[in-house]
N, C-alpha and C. Protein backbone atom coordinates (compact mmCIF):
# COMPACT_ATOMS: atom_id res chain seq x y z
N MET A 1 219.61 -140.62 -20.43
CA MET A 1 218.19 -140.34 -20.25
C MET A 1 217.45 -141.62 -19.86
N LYS A 2 216.64 -141.52 -18.80
CA LYS A 2 215.84 -142.67 -18.38
C LYS A 2 214.69 -142.84 -19.36
N LYS A 3 214.57 -144.04 -19.90
CA LYS A 3 213.52 -144.29 -20.87
C LYS A 3 212.22 -144.69 -20.20
N ILE A 4 211.12 -144.34 -20.87
CA ILE A 4 209.80 -144.77 -20.42
C ILE A 4 209.62 -146.23 -20.81
N ARG A 5 209.41 -147.08 -19.83
CA ARG A 5 209.25 -148.52 -20.09
C ARG A 5 207.76 -148.82 -20.29
N ILE A 6 207.45 -149.46 -21.41
CA ILE A 6 206.05 -149.62 -21.82
C ILE A 6 205.70 -151.10 -21.96
N LEU A 7 204.53 -151.45 -21.45
CA LEU A 7 203.97 -152.78 -21.65
C LEU A 7 202.85 -152.67 -22.67
N LEU A 8 202.93 -153.46 -23.73
CA LEU A 8 201.91 -153.46 -24.79
C LEU A 8 200.94 -154.61 -24.56
N VAL A 9 199.66 -154.30 -24.53
CA VAL A 9 198.65 -155.34 -24.33
C VAL A 9 197.61 -155.24 -25.44
N ASP A 10 197.63 -156.22 -26.33
CA ASP A 10 196.66 -156.28 -27.44
C ASP A 10 196.62 -157.72 -27.92
N ASP A 11 195.43 -158.19 -28.28
CA ASP A 11 195.33 -159.59 -28.70
C ASP A 11 195.69 -159.80 -30.16
N HIS A 12 196.05 -158.72 -30.88
CA HIS A 12 196.47 -158.85 -32.27
C HIS A 12 197.99 -158.66 -32.35
N ALA A 13 198.67 -159.71 -32.79
CA ALA A 13 200.13 -159.67 -32.85
C ALA A 13 200.64 -158.57 -33.77
N LEU A 14 199.94 -158.33 -34.89
CA LEU A 14 200.38 -157.31 -35.83
C LEU A 14 200.30 -155.91 -35.22
N VAL A 15 199.26 -155.68 -34.42
CA VAL A 15 199.13 -154.39 -33.74
C VAL A 15 200.30 -154.20 -32.77
N ARG A 16 200.60 -155.24 -32.00
CA ARG A 16 201.71 -155.14 -31.04
C ARG A 16 203.03 -154.91 -31.78
N LEU A 17 203.21 -155.59 -32.91
CA LEU A 17 204.45 -155.44 -33.67
C LEU A 17 204.61 -154.01 -34.18
N GLY A 18 203.52 -153.46 -34.71
CA GLY A 18 203.58 -152.09 -35.21
C GLY A 18 203.88 -151.09 -34.11
N LEU A 19 203.24 -151.27 -32.96
CA LEU A 19 203.48 -150.38 -31.83
C LEU A 19 204.91 -150.53 -31.31
N MET A 20 205.36 -151.75 -31.25
CA MET A 20 206.72 -151.99 -30.75
C MET A 20 207.75 -151.31 -31.64
N THR A 21 207.58 -151.43 -32.93
CA THR A 21 208.51 -150.81 -33.87
C THR A 21 208.53 -149.30 -33.71
N LEU A 22 207.34 -148.72 -33.60
CA LEU A 22 207.23 -147.27 -33.44
C LEU A 22 207.87 -146.81 -32.13
N LEU A 23 207.52 -147.47 -31.04
CA LEU A 23 207.94 -146.98 -29.73
C LEU A 23 209.43 -147.22 -29.46
N ASN A 24 209.95 -148.33 -29.94
CA ASN A 24 211.37 -148.60 -29.74
C ASN A 24 212.26 -147.65 -30.55
N ASP A 25 211.67 -147.01 -31.55
CA ASP A 25 212.43 -146.02 -32.34
C ASP A 25 212.52 -144.67 -31.63
N GLN A 26 211.75 -144.50 -30.54
CA GLN A 26 211.77 -143.23 -29.83
C GLN A 26 212.94 -143.20 -28.85
N PRO A 27 213.67 -142.10 -28.78
CA PRO A 27 214.84 -142.05 -27.91
C PRO A 27 214.53 -142.15 -26.42
N ASP A 28 213.29 -141.81 -26.05
CA ASP A 28 212.95 -141.82 -24.62
C ASP A 28 212.02 -142.96 -24.24
N MET A 29 211.89 -143.98 -25.12
CA MET A 29 210.96 -145.08 -24.85
C MET A 29 211.57 -146.43 -25.18
N GLU A 30 211.06 -147.45 -24.47
CA GLU A 30 211.41 -148.82 -24.82
C GLU A 30 210.25 -149.73 -24.42
N VAL A 31 209.98 -150.72 -25.25
CA VAL A 31 208.93 -151.68 -24.94
C VAL A 31 209.52 -152.74 -24.02
N ALA A 32 209.00 -152.79 -22.80
CA ALA A 32 209.52 -153.72 -21.80
C ALA A 32 208.94 -155.11 -21.97
N GLY A 33 207.75 -155.20 -22.58
CA GLY A 33 207.12 -156.51 -22.75
C GLY A 33 205.78 -156.38 -23.43
N GLU A 34 205.16 -157.51 -23.68
CA GLU A 34 203.86 -157.52 -24.36
C GLU A 34 202.99 -158.63 -23.81
N ALA A 35 201.69 -158.49 -24.01
CA ALA A 35 200.72 -159.48 -23.55
C ALA A 35 199.53 -159.47 -24.48
N SER A 36 198.82 -160.59 -24.53
CA SER A 36 197.69 -160.68 -25.45
C SER A 36 196.36 -160.94 -24.74
N THR A 37 196.40 -161.20 -23.43
CA THR A 37 195.18 -161.42 -22.65
C THR A 37 195.24 -160.61 -21.36
N ALA A 38 194.11 -160.52 -20.69
CA ALA A 38 194.06 -159.79 -19.42
C ALA A 38 194.96 -160.44 -18.39
N ALA A 39 194.91 -161.77 -18.28
CA ALA A 39 195.73 -162.46 -17.29
C ALA A 39 197.21 -162.25 -17.57
N GLU A 40 197.60 -162.34 -18.84
CA GLU A 40 199.01 -162.11 -19.20
C GLU A 40 199.42 -160.67 -18.86
N ALA A 41 198.51 -159.73 -19.05
CA ALA A 41 198.82 -158.33 -18.77
C ALA A 41 199.11 -158.12 -17.29
N VAL A 42 198.30 -158.70 -16.42
CA VAL A 42 198.50 -158.56 -14.98
C VAL A 42 199.83 -159.20 -14.57
N ASN A 43 200.10 -160.37 -15.09
CA ASN A 43 201.37 -161.05 -14.77
C ASN A 43 202.57 -160.26 -15.26
N ALA A 44 202.46 -159.72 -16.47
CA ALA A 44 203.57 -158.94 -17.03
C ALA A 44 203.80 -157.67 -16.24
N ALA A 45 202.71 -157.02 -15.81
CA ALA A 45 202.86 -155.80 -15.01
C ALA A 45 203.59 -156.10 -13.71
N GLU A 46 203.30 -157.25 -13.13
CA GLU A 46 203.95 -157.64 -11.87
C GLU A 46 205.44 -157.91 -12.09
N LYS A 47 205.76 -158.59 -13.17
CA LYS A 47 207.16 -158.98 -13.42
C LYS A 47 208.00 -157.82 -13.93
N LEU A 48 207.41 -156.96 -14.76
CA LEU A 48 208.20 -155.95 -15.47
C LEU A 48 208.15 -154.56 -14.85
N SER A 49 207.13 -154.27 -14.04
CA SER A 49 206.95 -152.93 -13.45
C SER A 49 207.13 -151.82 -14.49
N PRO A 50 206.33 -151.83 -15.54
CA PRO A 50 206.46 -150.79 -16.58
C PRO A 50 206.01 -149.43 -16.05
N ASP A 51 206.44 -148.39 -16.73
CA ASP A 51 205.97 -147.05 -16.38
C ASP A 51 204.56 -146.83 -16.93
N VAL A 52 204.33 -147.31 -18.14
CA VAL A 52 203.04 -147.12 -18.82
C VAL A 52 202.62 -148.43 -19.45
N THR A 53 201.36 -148.76 -19.32
CA THR A 53 200.79 -149.92 -20.01
C THR A 53 199.78 -149.42 -21.03
N LEU A 54 199.98 -149.78 -22.29
CA LEU A 54 198.99 -149.50 -23.33
C LEU A 54 198.08 -150.72 -23.39
N MET A 55 196.82 -150.52 -22.98
CA MET A 55 195.91 -151.64 -22.77
C MET A 55 194.76 -151.61 -23.77
N ASP A 56 194.64 -152.65 -24.59
CA ASP A 56 193.48 -152.75 -25.47
C ASP A 56 192.24 -152.90 -24.60
N ILE A 57 191.23 -152.11 -24.87
CA ILE A 57 190.05 -152.13 -24.01
C ILE A 57 189.26 -153.43 -24.17
N ARG A 58 189.37 -154.07 -25.34
CA ARG A 58 188.67 -155.33 -25.57
C ARG A 58 189.70 -156.45 -25.70
N LEU A 59 189.70 -157.34 -24.70
CA LEU A 59 190.66 -158.44 -24.67
C LEU A 59 189.92 -159.75 -24.39
N PRO A 60 190.49 -160.87 -24.82
CA PRO A 60 189.90 -162.16 -24.46
C PRO A 60 189.93 -162.36 -22.95
N GLY A 61 188.98 -163.12 -22.45
CA GLY A 61 188.96 -163.39 -21.02
C GLY A 61 188.30 -162.27 -20.25
N GLU A 62 188.94 -161.81 -19.19
CA GLU A 62 188.34 -160.81 -18.31
C GLU A 62 188.22 -159.43 -18.95
N GLY A 63 189.00 -159.17 -19.98
CA GLY A 63 188.90 -157.89 -20.68
C GLY A 63 189.87 -156.86 -20.15
N GLY A 64 190.07 -155.82 -20.96
CA GLY A 64 191.05 -154.80 -20.62
C GLY A 64 190.69 -153.97 -19.41
N ILE A 65 189.39 -153.74 -19.19
CA ILE A 65 188.99 -152.91 -18.05
C ILE A 65 189.27 -153.63 -16.74
N GLU A 66 188.96 -154.92 -16.67
CA GLU A 66 189.24 -155.68 -15.46
C GLU A 66 190.74 -155.81 -15.24
N ALA A 67 191.50 -156.01 -16.32
CA ALA A 67 192.96 -156.06 -16.19
C ALA A 67 193.49 -154.74 -15.64
N THR A 68 192.91 -153.64 -16.13
CA THR A 68 193.31 -152.31 -15.64
C THR A 68 193.01 -152.17 -14.16
N ARG A 69 191.84 -152.62 -13.76
CA ARG A 69 191.46 -152.52 -12.34
C ARG A 69 192.45 -153.28 -11.46
N GLN A 70 192.83 -154.46 -11.89
CA GLN A 70 193.77 -155.26 -11.10
C GLN A 70 195.16 -154.63 -11.07
N ILE A 71 195.61 -154.16 -12.21
CA ILE A 71 196.95 -153.58 -12.29
C ILE A 71 197.05 -152.31 -11.46
N THR A 72 196.08 -151.41 -11.60
CA THR A 72 196.17 -150.15 -10.87
C THR A 72 195.98 -150.35 -9.37
N ALA A 73 195.24 -151.38 -8.98
CA ALA A 73 195.06 -151.67 -7.55
C ALA A 73 196.33 -152.26 -6.95
N ARG A 74 196.97 -153.15 -7.69
CA ARG A 74 198.15 -153.84 -7.15
C ARG A 74 199.44 -153.10 -7.40
N PHE A 75 199.49 -152.34 -8.49
CA PHE A 75 200.73 -151.64 -8.86
C PHE A 75 200.41 -150.18 -9.19
N PRO A 76 200.15 -149.37 -8.18
CA PRO A 76 199.66 -148.00 -8.42
C PRO A 76 200.62 -147.10 -9.19
N LEU A 77 201.90 -147.47 -9.28
CA LEU A 77 202.85 -146.64 -10.02
C LEU A 77 202.75 -146.87 -11.52
N VAL A 78 202.09 -147.95 -11.93
CA VAL A 78 201.93 -148.25 -13.35
C VAL A 78 200.75 -147.45 -13.90
N LYS A 79 201.02 -146.59 -14.88
CA LYS A 79 199.97 -145.79 -15.51
C LYS A 79 199.39 -146.55 -16.70
N VAL A 80 198.09 -146.69 -16.73
CA VAL A 80 197.43 -147.45 -17.80
C VAL A 80 196.70 -146.50 -18.74
N VAL A 81 197.01 -146.62 -20.02
CA VAL A 81 196.32 -145.88 -21.07
C VAL A 81 195.57 -146.89 -21.93
N MET A 82 194.27 -146.68 -22.11
CA MET A 82 193.47 -147.62 -22.88
C MET A 82 193.62 -147.36 -24.38
N LEU A 83 193.70 -148.45 -25.12
CA LEU A 83 193.67 -148.39 -26.58
C LEU A 83 192.28 -148.83 -27.03
N THR A 84 191.64 -148.04 -27.85
CA THR A 84 190.29 -148.38 -28.29
C THR A 84 190.11 -147.98 -29.75
N SER A 85 189.29 -148.74 -30.44
CA SER A 85 189.05 -148.46 -31.85
C SER A 85 188.08 -147.31 -32.05
N PHE A 86 187.21 -147.06 -31.06
CA PHE A 86 186.27 -145.95 -31.15
C PHE A 86 185.96 -145.46 -29.74
N ALA A 87 185.58 -144.20 -29.64
CA ALA A 87 185.37 -143.57 -28.33
C ALA A 87 183.97 -143.90 -27.80
N ASP A 88 183.83 -145.06 -27.18
CA ASP A 88 182.59 -145.45 -26.52
C ASP A 88 182.59 -144.83 -25.13
N ASP A 89 181.73 -143.83 -24.91
CA ASP A 89 181.75 -143.09 -23.64
C ASP A 89 181.59 -144.00 -22.44
N GLU A 90 180.71 -144.99 -22.57
CA GLU A 90 180.45 -145.88 -21.43
C GLU A 90 181.70 -146.68 -21.08
N LEU A 91 182.37 -147.23 -22.10
CA LEU A 91 183.59 -147.99 -21.85
C LEU A 91 184.69 -147.10 -21.30
N VAL A 92 184.80 -145.88 -21.84
CA VAL A 92 185.82 -144.95 -21.36
C VAL A 92 185.59 -144.63 -19.89
N MET A 93 184.33 -144.38 -19.51
CA MET A 93 184.01 -144.10 -18.11
C MET A 93 184.37 -145.28 -17.22
N ARG A 94 184.05 -146.47 -17.67
CA ARG A 94 184.36 -147.67 -16.88
C ARG A 94 185.87 -147.83 -16.75
N ALA A 95 186.60 -147.54 -17.82
CA ALA A 95 188.06 -147.67 -17.78
C ALA A 95 188.67 -146.68 -16.80
N ILE A 96 188.18 -145.45 -16.83
CA ILE A 96 188.70 -144.42 -15.92
C ILE A 96 188.36 -144.78 -14.47
N ASN A 97 187.16 -145.28 -14.25
CA ASN A 97 186.78 -145.72 -12.91
C ASN A 97 187.65 -146.89 -12.44
N ALA A 98 188.14 -147.67 -13.39
CA ALA A 98 189.01 -148.80 -13.06
C ALA A 98 190.44 -148.35 -12.76
N GLY A 99 190.75 -147.07 -13.05
CA GLY A 99 192.08 -146.57 -12.72
C GLY A 99 192.91 -146.09 -13.88
N ALA A 100 192.40 -146.21 -15.11
CA ALA A 100 193.16 -145.76 -16.27
C ALA A 100 193.31 -144.23 -16.24
N VAL A 101 194.45 -143.74 -16.72
CA VAL A 101 194.65 -142.28 -16.75
C VAL A 101 194.06 -141.67 -18.01
N GLY A 102 193.56 -142.51 -18.90
CA GLY A 102 192.94 -141.97 -20.11
C GLY A 102 192.90 -143.01 -21.21
N TYR A 103 192.77 -142.54 -22.44
CA TYR A 103 192.68 -143.45 -23.57
C TYR A 103 193.20 -142.78 -24.83
N VAL A 104 193.58 -143.60 -25.80
CA VAL A 104 193.91 -143.10 -27.13
C VAL A 104 193.22 -144.00 -28.16
N LEU A 105 192.81 -143.40 -29.25
CA LEU A 105 192.22 -144.17 -30.33
C LEU A 105 193.32 -144.87 -31.13
N LYS A 106 193.06 -146.06 -31.57
CA LYS A 106 194.07 -146.81 -32.32
C LYS A 106 194.44 -146.12 -33.63
N GLN A 107 193.54 -145.31 -34.15
CA GLN A 107 193.82 -144.67 -35.43
C GLN A 107 194.49 -143.31 -35.30
N VAL A 108 194.92 -142.92 -34.10
CA VAL A 108 195.58 -141.62 -33.95
C VAL A 108 196.93 -141.64 -34.64
N GLY A 109 197.45 -140.47 -34.93
CA GLY A 109 198.77 -140.38 -35.55
C GLY A 109 199.87 -140.77 -34.57
N ASN A 110 201.03 -141.10 -35.13
CA ASN A 110 202.14 -141.55 -34.30
C ASN A 110 202.55 -140.50 -33.26
N GLU A 111 202.62 -139.25 -33.68
CA GLU A 111 203.06 -138.19 -32.77
C GLU A 111 202.08 -138.03 -31.60
N GLU A 112 200.80 -138.14 -31.91
CA GLU A 112 199.79 -137.99 -30.85
C GLU A 112 199.90 -139.13 -29.84
N LEU A 113 200.14 -140.35 -30.35
CA LEU A 113 200.29 -141.50 -29.46
C LEU A 113 201.52 -141.32 -28.57
N ILE A 114 202.60 -140.88 -29.15
CA ILE A 114 203.84 -140.68 -28.38
C ILE A 114 203.63 -139.62 -27.29
N ARG A 115 202.95 -138.53 -27.64
CA ARG A 115 202.68 -137.49 -26.65
C ARG A 115 201.79 -138.02 -25.53
N ALA A 116 200.85 -138.88 -25.89
CA ALA A 116 199.95 -139.45 -24.88
C ALA A 116 200.73 -140.32 -23.90
N ILE A 117 201.65 -141.12 -24.40
CA ILE A 117 202.46 -141.97 -23.52
C ILE A 117 203.35 -141.11 -22.62
N GLN A 118 203.94 -140.08 -23.17
CA GLN A 118 204.79 -139.19 -22.38
C GLN A 118 203.97 -138.50 -21.28
N ALA A 119 202.75 -138.08 -21.63
CA ALA A 119 201.89 -137.42 -20.64
C ALA A 119 201.52 -138.39 -19.53
N ALA A 120 201.17 -139.62 -19.91
CA ALA A 120 200.82 -140.63 -18.91
C ALA A 120 201.98 -140.90 -17.97
N ALA A 121 203.19 -140.97 -18.53
CA ALA A 121 204.38 -141.22 -17.71
C ALA A 121 204.60 -140.10 -16.70
N ARG A 122 204.17 -138.88 -17.05
CA ARG A 122 204.28 -137.75 -16.13
C ARG A 122 203.13 -137.71 -15.13
N GLY A 123 202.20 -138.65 -15.26
CA GLY A 123 201.06 -138.69 -14.35
C GLY A 123 199.89 -137.84 -14.78
N GLU A 124 199.90 -137.40 -16.04
CA GLU A 124 198.82 -136.55 -16.54
C GLU A 124 197.72 -137.39 -17.18
N SER A 125 196.52 -136.83 -17.24
CA SER A 125 195.41 -137.51 -17.89
C SER A 125 195.55 -137.43 -19.40
N VAL A 126 195.05 -138.45 -20.07
CA VAL A 126 195.15 -138.52 -21.52
C VAL A 126 193.75 -138.72 -22.08
N LEU A 127 193.10 -137.62 -22.47
CA LEU A 127 191.74 -137.70 -22.98
C LEU A 127 191.56 -136.76 -24.16
N ASP A 128 190.85 -137.24 -25.15
CA ASP A 128 190.49 -136.41 -26.29
C ASP A 128 189.56 -135.30 -25.82
N PRO A 129 189.79 -134.03 -26.24
CA PRO A 129 188.98 -132.91 -25.74
C PRO A 129 187.48 -133.10 -25.94
N SER A 130 187.07 -133.61 -27.08
CA SER A 130 185.64 -133.76 -27.32
C SER A 130 185.04 -134.79 -26.38
N THR A 131 185.79 -135.87 -26.14
CA THR A 131 185.31 -136.89 -25.21
C THR A 131 185.29 -136.35 -23.79
N THR A 132 186.30 -135.55 -23.45
CA THR A 132 186.35 -134.95 -22.12
C THR A 132 185.10 -134.12 -21.87
N ALA A 133 184.70 -133.34 -22.86
CA ALA A 133 183.50 -132.50 -22.71
C ALA A 133 182.26 -133.37 -22.49
N ARG A 134 182.16 -134.45 -23.26
CA ARG A 134 181.00 -135.33 -23.10
C ARG A 134 181.00 -136.00 -21.73
N LEU A 135 182.17 -136.46 -21.29
CA LEU A 135 182.25 -137.14 -20.00
C LEU A 135 181.95 -136.18 -18.86
N LEU A 136 182.45 -134.95 -18.95
CA LEU A 136 182.16 -133.97 -17.92
C LEU A 136 180.67 -133.67 -17.84
N THR A 137 180.02 -133.63 -19.01
CA THR A 137 178.58 -133.41 -19.03
C THR A 137 177.86 -134.55 -18.33
N ARG A 138 178.30 -135.78 -18.58
CA ARG A 138 177.68 -136.94 -17.94
C ARG A 138 177.91 -136.91 -16.43
N VAL A 139 179.11 -136.54 -16.02
CA VAL A 139 179.42 -136.47 -14.59
C VAL A 139 178.54 -135.43 -13.92
N ARG A 140 178.43 -134.26 -14.56
CA ARG A 140 177.61 -133.20 -13.98
C ARG A 140 176.14 -133.62 -13.90
N GLU A 141 175.66 -134.30 -14.92
CA GLU A 141 174.28 -134.78 -14.90
C GLU A 141 174.07 -135.77 -13.77
N ALA A 142 175.05 -136.66 -13.57
CA ALA A 142 174.96 -137.64 -12.48
C ALA A 142 174.97 -136.93 -11.13
N GLU A 143 175.83 -135.92 -10.99
CA GLU A 143 175.89 -135.17 -9.74
C GLU A 143 174.58 -134.42 -9.48
N ARG A 144 174.03 -133.85 -10.53
CA ARG A 144 172.77 -133.11 -10.39
C ARG A 144 171.64 -134.06 -9.98
N LYS A 145 171.61 -135.24 -10.57
CA LYS A 145 170.57 -136.21 -10.21
C LYS A 145 170.74 -136.67 -8.77
N ALA A 146 172.01 -136.86 -8.35
CA ALA A 146 172.27 -137.27 -6.97
C ALA A 146 171.78 -136.20 -6.00
N GLU A 147 172.00 -134.93 -6.37
CA GLU A 147 171.53 -133.84 -5.52
C GLU A 147 170.00 -133.84 -5.44
N GLU A 148 169.36 -134.06 -6.59
CA GLU A 148 167.90 -134.06 -6.62
C GLU A 148 167.32 -135.21 -5.79
N ASP A 149 168.04 -136.34 -5.78
CA ASP A 149 167.55 -137.52 -5.07
C ASP A 149 167.93 -137.54 -3.60
N ALA A 150 168.83 -136.63 -3.19
CA ALA A 150 169.39 -136.69 -1.84
C ALA A 150 168.32 -136.63 -0.75
N PHE A 151 167.26 -135.84 -0.98
CA PHE A 151 166.22 -135.67 0.03
C PHE A 151 164.86 -136.16 -0.47
N ARG A 152 164.91 -137.05 -1.44
CA ARG A 152 163.67 -137.49 -2.09
C ARG A 152 162.71 -138.15 -1.09
N GLU A 153 163.24 -138.90 -0.13
CA GLU A 153 162.39 -139.63 0.80
C GLU A 153 162.05 -138.83 2.05
N ILE A 154 162.60 -137.62 2.16
CA ILE A 154 162.39 -136.79 3.34
C ILE A 154 161.14 -135.93 3.16
N SER A 155 160.25 -135.97 4.14
CA SER A 155 159.01 -135.18 4.04
C SER A 155 159.30 -133.70 4.28
N ASP A 156 158.35 -132.87 3.94
CA ASP A 156 158.53 -131.43 4.13
C ASP A 156 158.76 -131.09 5.60
N ARG A 157 158.01 -131.75 6.50
CA ARG A 157 158.18 -131.46 7.93
C ARG A 157 159.55 -131.93 8.42
N GLU A 158 159.99 -133.07 7.92
CA GLU A 158 161.33 -133.54 8.29
C GLU A 158 162.40 -132.58 7.78
N MET A 159 162.17 -132.01 6.61
CA MET A 159 163.11 -131.02 6.08
C MET A 159 163.19 -129.81 6.99
N ASP A 160 162.04 -129.39 7.52
CA ASP A 160 162.03 -128.26 8.46
C ASP A 160 162.88 -128.59 9.69
N VAL A 161 162.72 -129.80 10.19
CA VAL A 161 163.49 -130.24 11.36
C VAL A 161 164.98 -130.30 11.02
N LEU A 162 165.28 -130.84 9.87
CA LEU A 162 166.68 -131.00 9.47
C LEU A 162 167.38 -129.65 9.32
N LEU A 163 166.67 -128.67 8.81
CA LEU A 163 167.25 -127.34 8.65
C LEU A 163 167.75 -126.79 9.99
N HIS A 164 166.94 -126.95 11.02
CA HIS A 164 167.33 -126.44 12.34
C HIS A 164 168.36 -127.34 13.00
N LEU A 165 168.21 -128.65 12.79
CA LEU A 165 169.19 -129.58 13.36
C LEU A 165 170.59 -129.29 12.82
N ALA A 166 170.67 -129.01 11.52
CA ALA A 166 171.96 -128.73 10.89
C ALA A 166 172.58 -127.44 11.41
N LYS A 167 171.74 -126.57 12.00
CA LYS A 167 172.25 -125.33 12.59
C LYS A 167 172.66 -125.51 14.04
N GLY A 168 172.53 -126.75 14.54
CA GLY A 168 172.98 -127.05 15.90
C GLY A 168 171.91 -126.97 16.96
N LYS A 169 170.64 -126.85 16.56
CA LYS A 169 169.56 -126.76 17.52
C LYS A 169 169.26 -128.11 18.15
N THR A 170 168.86 -128.10 19.43
CA THR A 170 168.44 -129.33 20.10
C THR A 170 167.01 -129.66 19.71
N ASN A 171 166.56 -130.86 20.07
CA ASN A 171 165.19 -131.24 19.76
C ASN A 171 164.19 -130.31 20.45
N ALA A 172 164.52 -129.93 21.67
CA ALA A 172 163.62 -129.03 22.41
C ALA A 172 163.54 -127.67 21.73
N GLU A 173 164.67 -127.17 21.29
CA GLU A 173 164.69 -125.86 20.62
C GLU A 173 163.95 -125.94 19.29
N ILE A 174 164.15 -127.04 18.56
CA ILE A 174 163.46 -127.21 17.28
C ILE A 174 161.95 -127.28 17.51
N GLY A 175 161.55 -128.00 18.57
CA GLY A 175 160.13 -128.12 18.89
C GLY A 175 159.49 -126.76 19.13
N LYS A 176 160.16 -125.90 19.86
CA LYS A 176 159.62 -124.56 20.13
C LYS A 176 159.51 -123.74 18.84
N LEU A 177 160.53 -123.86 17.97
CA LEU A 177 160.52 -123.09 16.72
C LEU A 177 159.42 -123.55 15.77
N LEU A 178 159.14 -124.85 15.79
CA LEU A 178 158.17 -125.41 14.83
C LEU A 178 156.83 -125.75 15.46
N ASN A 179 156.70 -125.42 16.75
CA ASN A 179 155.45 -125.71 17.47
C ASN A 179 155.15 -127.21 17.48
N LEU A 180 156.20 -127.98 17.80
CA LEU A 180 156.08 -129.42 17.91
C LEU A 180 156.57 -129.86 19.28
N SER A 181 156.10 -131.02 19.72
CA SER A 181 156.63 -131.55 20.98
C SER A 181 158.05 -132.08 20.75
N GLU A 182 158.81 -132.12 21.82
CA GLU A 182 160.18 -132.63 21.72
C GLU A 182 160.17 -134.08 21.24
N LYS A 183 159.20 -134.84 21.69
CA LYS A 183 159.11 -136.25 21.28
C LYS A 183 158.83 -136.36 19.78
N THR A 184 157.96 -135.51 19.28
CA THR A 184 157.65 -135.55 17.84
C THR A 184 158.89 -135.22 17.01
N VAL A 185 159.65 -134.22 17.47
CA VAL A 185 160.89 -133.89 16.77
C VAL A 185 161.83 -135.08 16.78
N GLY A 186 161.93 -135.75 17.94
CA GLY A 186 162.78 -136.93 18.03
C GLY A 186 162.35 -138.03 17.07
N ASN A 187 161.05 -138.17 16.89
CA ASN A 187 160.54 -139.17 15.95
C ASN A 187 160.93 -138.82 14.51
N TYR A 188 160.85 -137.53 14.19
CA TYR A 188 161.26 -137.10 12.85
C TYR A 188 162.75 -137.39 12.63
N VAL A 189 163.55 -137.09 13.64
CA VAL A 189 165.00 -137.31 13.52
C VAL A 189 165.29 -138.80 13.34
N SER A 190 164.63 -139.64 14.12
CA SER A 190 164.83 -141.09 14.00
C SER A 190 164.41 -141.59 12.63
N SER A 191 163.31 -141.03 12.12
CA SER A 191 162.84 -141.42 10.80
C SER A 191 163.89 -141.08 9.73
N MET A 192 164.53 -139.90 9.87
CA MET A 192 165.56 -139.52 8.89
C MET A 192 166.79 -140.40 9.00
N PHE A 193 167.15 -140.81 10.23
CA PHE A 193 168.25 -141.76 10.38
C PHE A 193 168.01 -143.00 9.53
N GLU A 194 166.78 -143.51 9.64
CA GLU A 194 166.43 -144.75 8.93
C GLU A 194 166.40 -144.54 7.42
N LYS A 195 165.78 -143.46 6.98
CA LYS A 195 165.64 -143.22 5.55
C LYS A 195 166.99 -142.96 4.87
N LEU A 196 167.89 -142.27 5.56
CA LEU A 196 169.18 -141.89 4.96
C LEU A 196 170.31 -142.82 5.36
N HIS A 197 169.97 -143.85 6.16
CA HIS A 197 170.97 -144.83 6.61
C HIS A 197 172.12 -144.15 7.37
N LEU A 198 171.75 -143.28 8.28
CA LEU A 198 172.72 -142.56 9.10
C LEU A 198 172.54 -142.97 10.56
N ASN A 199 173.56 -142.67 11.38
CA ASN A 199 173.58 -143.20 12.74
C ASN A 199 173.39 -142.16 13.84
N ASN A 200 173.70 -140.90 13.57
CA ASN A 200 173.62 -139.91 14.63
C ASN A 200 173.39 -138.51 14.05
N ARG A 201 173.23 -137.56 14.96
CA ARG A 201 172.91 -136.19 14.55
C ARG A 201 174.06 -135.54 13.78
N ILE A 202 175.28 -135.89 14.17
CA ILE A 202 176.44 -135.31 13.47
C ILE A 202 176.44 -135.75 12.01
N GLU A 203 176.20 -137.04 11.77
CA GLU A 203 176.14 -137.53 10.40
C GLU A 203 174.99 -136.88 9.64
N LEU A 204 173.88 -136.68 10.32
CA LEU A 204 172.71 -136.07 9.67
C LEU A 204 173.01 -134.62 9.28
N ALA A 205 173.63 -133.88 10.17
CA ALA A 205 173.99 -132.49 9.86
C ALA A 205 175.00 -132.45 8.73
N ALA A 206 175.99 -133.36 8.77
CA ALA A 206 177.01 -133.40 7.71
C ALA A 206 176.36 -133.71 6.36
N TYR A 207 175.37 -134.61 6.36
CA TYR A 207 174.66 -134.97 5.13
C TYR A 207 173.95 -133.73 4.57
N ALA A 208 173.34 -132.96 5.45
CA ALA A 208 172.63 -131.75 5.02
C ALA A 208 173.57 -130.77 4.33
N TYR A 209 174.75 -130.57 4.92
CA TYR A 209 175.72 -129.64 4.33
C TYR A 209 176.33 -130.23 3.05
N GLU A 210 176.62 -131.51 3.08
CA GLU A 210 177.24 -132.15 1.91
C GLU A 210 176.34 -132.05 0.68
N HIS A 211 175.04 -132.13 0.90
CA HIS A 211 174.09 -132.08 -0.22
C HIS A 211 173.43 -130.70 -0.36
N HIS A 212 174.09 -129.70 0.21
CA HIS A 212 173.71 -128.29 -0.02
C HIS A 212 172.25 -128.01 0.33
N LEU A 213 171.82 -128.48 1.49
CA LEU A 213 170.43 -128.29 1.88
C LEU A 213 170.04 -126.82 1.93
N PHE A 214 170.89 -125.98 2.49
CA PHE A 214 170.53 -124.57 2.66
C PHE A 214 170.40 -123.87 1.31
N GLU A 215 171.30 -124.22 0.35
CA GLU A 215 171.21 -123.64 -0.98
C GLU A 215 169.92 -124.13 -1.66
N ARG A 216 169.62 -125.40 -1.45
CA ARG A 216 168.43 -125.98 -2.06
C ARG A 216 167.16 -125.28 -1.57
N VAL A 217 167.07 -125.08 -0.27
CA VAL A 217 165.90 -124.42 0.29
C VAL A 217 165.83 -122.97 -0.15
N GLY A 218 167.00 -122.34 -0.27
CA GLY A 218 167.04 -120.96 -0.71
C GLY A 218 166.54 -120.78 -2.12
N ARG A 219 166.73 -121.84 -2.96
CA ARG A 219 166.27 -121.76 -4.34
C ARG A 219 164.78 -122.00 -4.45
N GLU A 220 164.22 -122.73 -3.48
CA GLU A 220 162.82 -123.16 -3.59
C GLU A 220 161.84 -122.16 -3.03
């Protein structure tokens, strides 16, 4: 049986010793190495190519999140699971954005930790259900705010123009529909390019669809 090779990263030697004893006793696991700082963790990941790295979220120097970012960027096959003493949503979000597949609390039971490592080795996410629910709520709130802000700088008249532009209408056709001159429509389109930092009509139409303009107008 191929064993899961694990890199332990924690600045407390006793923690590493306890983890090493536990994991080396598992028939499908072996500790390939250990590190106590972020820099050591990155170097060890390069030399050892572990399957899973258990990374303390708080480390001396650059910290566990930055070490995770470097490891996952340089060695994408290495799965990083964060070790944390408490479920700080902000730190967990930053760790996941850095490339971690999840996290485990240091106080979890041995069996739960082992299952988490096995799941990570299979490429699965490792998150506590209650934290997952909170994080999903935060993500949805962020997405909702992004949707609300998507057209914040666009005037009502520009929105009218954008609706028709996204349907493939030319400036002349839009002008006839809205009782505007073709030049005025062109000015509105140019203004939206500048406000939304877009370069052409295709990008503008794509932006409208990406941010659900038609659904938004239908609700209003």
